C-alpha atoms as a PDB file:
ATOM      1  CA  HIS A   1     119.004  95.955 113.594  1.00  0.00           C
ATOM      2  CA  THR A   2     118.538  93.411 110.813  1.00  0.00           C
ATOM      3  CA  LYS A   3     116.191  91.333 112.959  1.00  0.00           C
ATOM      4  CA  THR A   4     114.134  94.442 113.696  1.00  0.00           C
ATOM      5  CA  LEU A   5     113.810  95.210 109.987  1.00  0.00           C
ATOM      6  CA  ILE A   6     112.725  91.657 109.231  1.00  0.00           C
ATOM      7  CA  LEU A   7     110.146  91.743 112.023  1.00  0.00           C
ATOM      8  CA  GLU A   8     108.872  95.116 110.817  1.00  0.00           C
ATOM      9  CA  LYS A   9     108.374  93.731 107.297  1.00  0.00           C
ATOM     10  CA  GLN A  10     106.560  90.663 108.642  1.00  0.00           C
ATOM     11  CA  LEU A  11     104.221  92.858 110.686  1.00  0.00           C
ATOM     12  CA  LYS A  12     103.506  95.128 107.713  1.00  0.00           C
ATOM     13  CA  ASP A  13     102.779  92.085 105.537  1.00  0.00           C
ATOM     14  CA  ALA A  14     100.432  90.704 108.198  1.00  0.00           C
ATOM     15  CA  LYS A  15      98.629  94.046 108.439  1.00  0.00           C
ATOM     16  CA  THR A  16      98.170  94.109 104.661  1.00  0.00           C
ATOM     17  CA  SER A  17      96.829  90.530 104.639  1.00  0.00           C
ATOM     18  CA  ILE A  18      94.403  91.262 107.465  1.00  0.00           C
ATOM     19  CA  ALA A  19      93.146  94.413 105.750  1.00  0.00           C
ATOM     20  CA  ALA A  20      92.592  92.433 102.539  1.00  0.00           C
ATOM     21  CA  ALA A  21      90.674  89.725 104.436  1.00  0.00           C
ATOM     22  CA  LEU A  22      88.459  92.342 106.122  1.00  0.00           C
ATOM     23  CA  LEU A  23      87.724  93.922 102.749  1.00  0.00           C
ATOM     24  CA  LYS A  24      86.753  90.510 101.366  1.00  0.00           C
ATOM     25  CA  ILE A  25      84.375  90.044 104.291  1.00  0.00           C
ATOM     26  CA  LYS A  26      82.706  93.356 103.421  1.00  0.00           C
ATOM     27  CA  LYS A  27      82.467  92.372  99.742  1.00  0.00           C
ATOM     28  CA  GLY A  28      81.160  88.907 100.586  1.00  0.00           C
ATOM     29  CA  THR A  29      84.058  87.133  98.895  1.00  0.00           C
ATOM     30  CA  TYR A  30      85.938  85.987 101.995  1.00  0.00           C
ATOM     31  CA  GLY A  31      86.862  82.315 101.941  1.00  0.00           C
ATOM     32  CA  LYS A  32      86.884  81.934  98.156  1.00  0.00           C
ATOM     33  CA  CYS A  33      90.084  80.868  96.444  1.00  0.00           C
ATOM     34  CA  GLU A  34      91.522  83.660  94.307  1.00  0.00           C
ATOM     35  CA  LYS A  35      92.787  81.150  91.757  1.00  0.00           C
ATOM     36  CA  CYS A  36      89.966  78.637  91.208  1.00  0.00           C
ATOM     37  CA  GLY A  37      87.036  80.387  92.930  1.00  0.00           C
ATOM     38  CA  LYS A  38      86.130  77.407  95.101  1.00  0.00           C
ATOM     39  CA  GLN A  39      85.546  77.676  98.837  1.00  0.00           C
ATOM     40  CA  ILE A  40      88.740  77.533 100.895  1.00  0.00           C
ATOM     41  CA  GLU A  41      88.659  74.673 103.384  1.00  0.00           C
ATOM     42  CA  LEU A  42      87.295  75.698 106.793  1.00  0.00           C
ATOM     43  CA  ALA A  43      90.206  74.086 108.646  1.00  0.00           C
ATOM     44  CA  ARG A  44      92.614  76.132 106.526  1.00  0.00           C
ATOM     45  CA  LEU A  45      90.765  79.369 107.275  1.00  0.00           C
ATOM     46  CA  LEU A  46      90.705  78.558 110.976  1.00  0.00           C
ATOM     47  CA  ALA A  47      94.454  77.935 110.938  1.00  0.00           C
ATOM     48  CA  MET A  48      95.243  80.847 108.623  1.00  0.00           C
ATOM     49  CA  PRO A  49      92.372  83.364 108.375  1.00  0.00           C
ATOM     50  CA  THR A  50      94.188  85.401 105.724  1.00  0.00           C
ATOM     51  CA  ALA A  51      94.559  82.481 103.301  1.00  0.00           C
ATOM     52  CA  THR A  52      93.848  83.478  99.706  1.00  0.00           C
ATOM     53  CA  TYR A  53      94.132  80.068  98.038  1.00  0.00           C
ATOM     54  CA  CYS A  54      92.624  76.652  98.727  1.00  0.00           C
ATOM     55  CA  LEU A  55      95.005  73.807  99.546  1.00  0.00           C
ATOM     56  CA  THR A  56      94.881  72.396  96.016  1.00  0.00           C
ATOM     57  CA  CYS A  57      95.868  75.713  94.415  1.00  0.00           C
ATOM     58  CA  THR A  58      98.500  76.355  97.081  1.00  0.00           C
ATOM     59  CA  LYS A  59     100.123  72.998  96.358  1.00  0.00           C
ATOM     60  CA  LYS A  60     100.033  73.645  92.588  1.00  0.00           C
ATOM     61  CA  THR A  61     101.582  77.095  93.055  1.00  0.00           C
ATOM     62  CA  SER A  62     104.348  75.844  95.353  1.00  0.00           C
ATOM     63  CA  ARG A  63     105.413  73.129  92.882  1.00  0.00           C
ATOM     64  CA  LYS A  64     106.323  75.647  90.191  1.00  0.00           C
END
């Protein structure tokens, strides 16, 4: 049961991230880092289309 709950949360989180990415596409802001405003690296977007931060900002955030 615990595994099912964890999987359910992961799927809900993924759905939320995908919906946010689709909204950004409509607004014309998809691919821009939410922290610094620079373009997110293409390779990063290809690997993780729902990325909200560029690699530099992600590394800075994870160090804290």
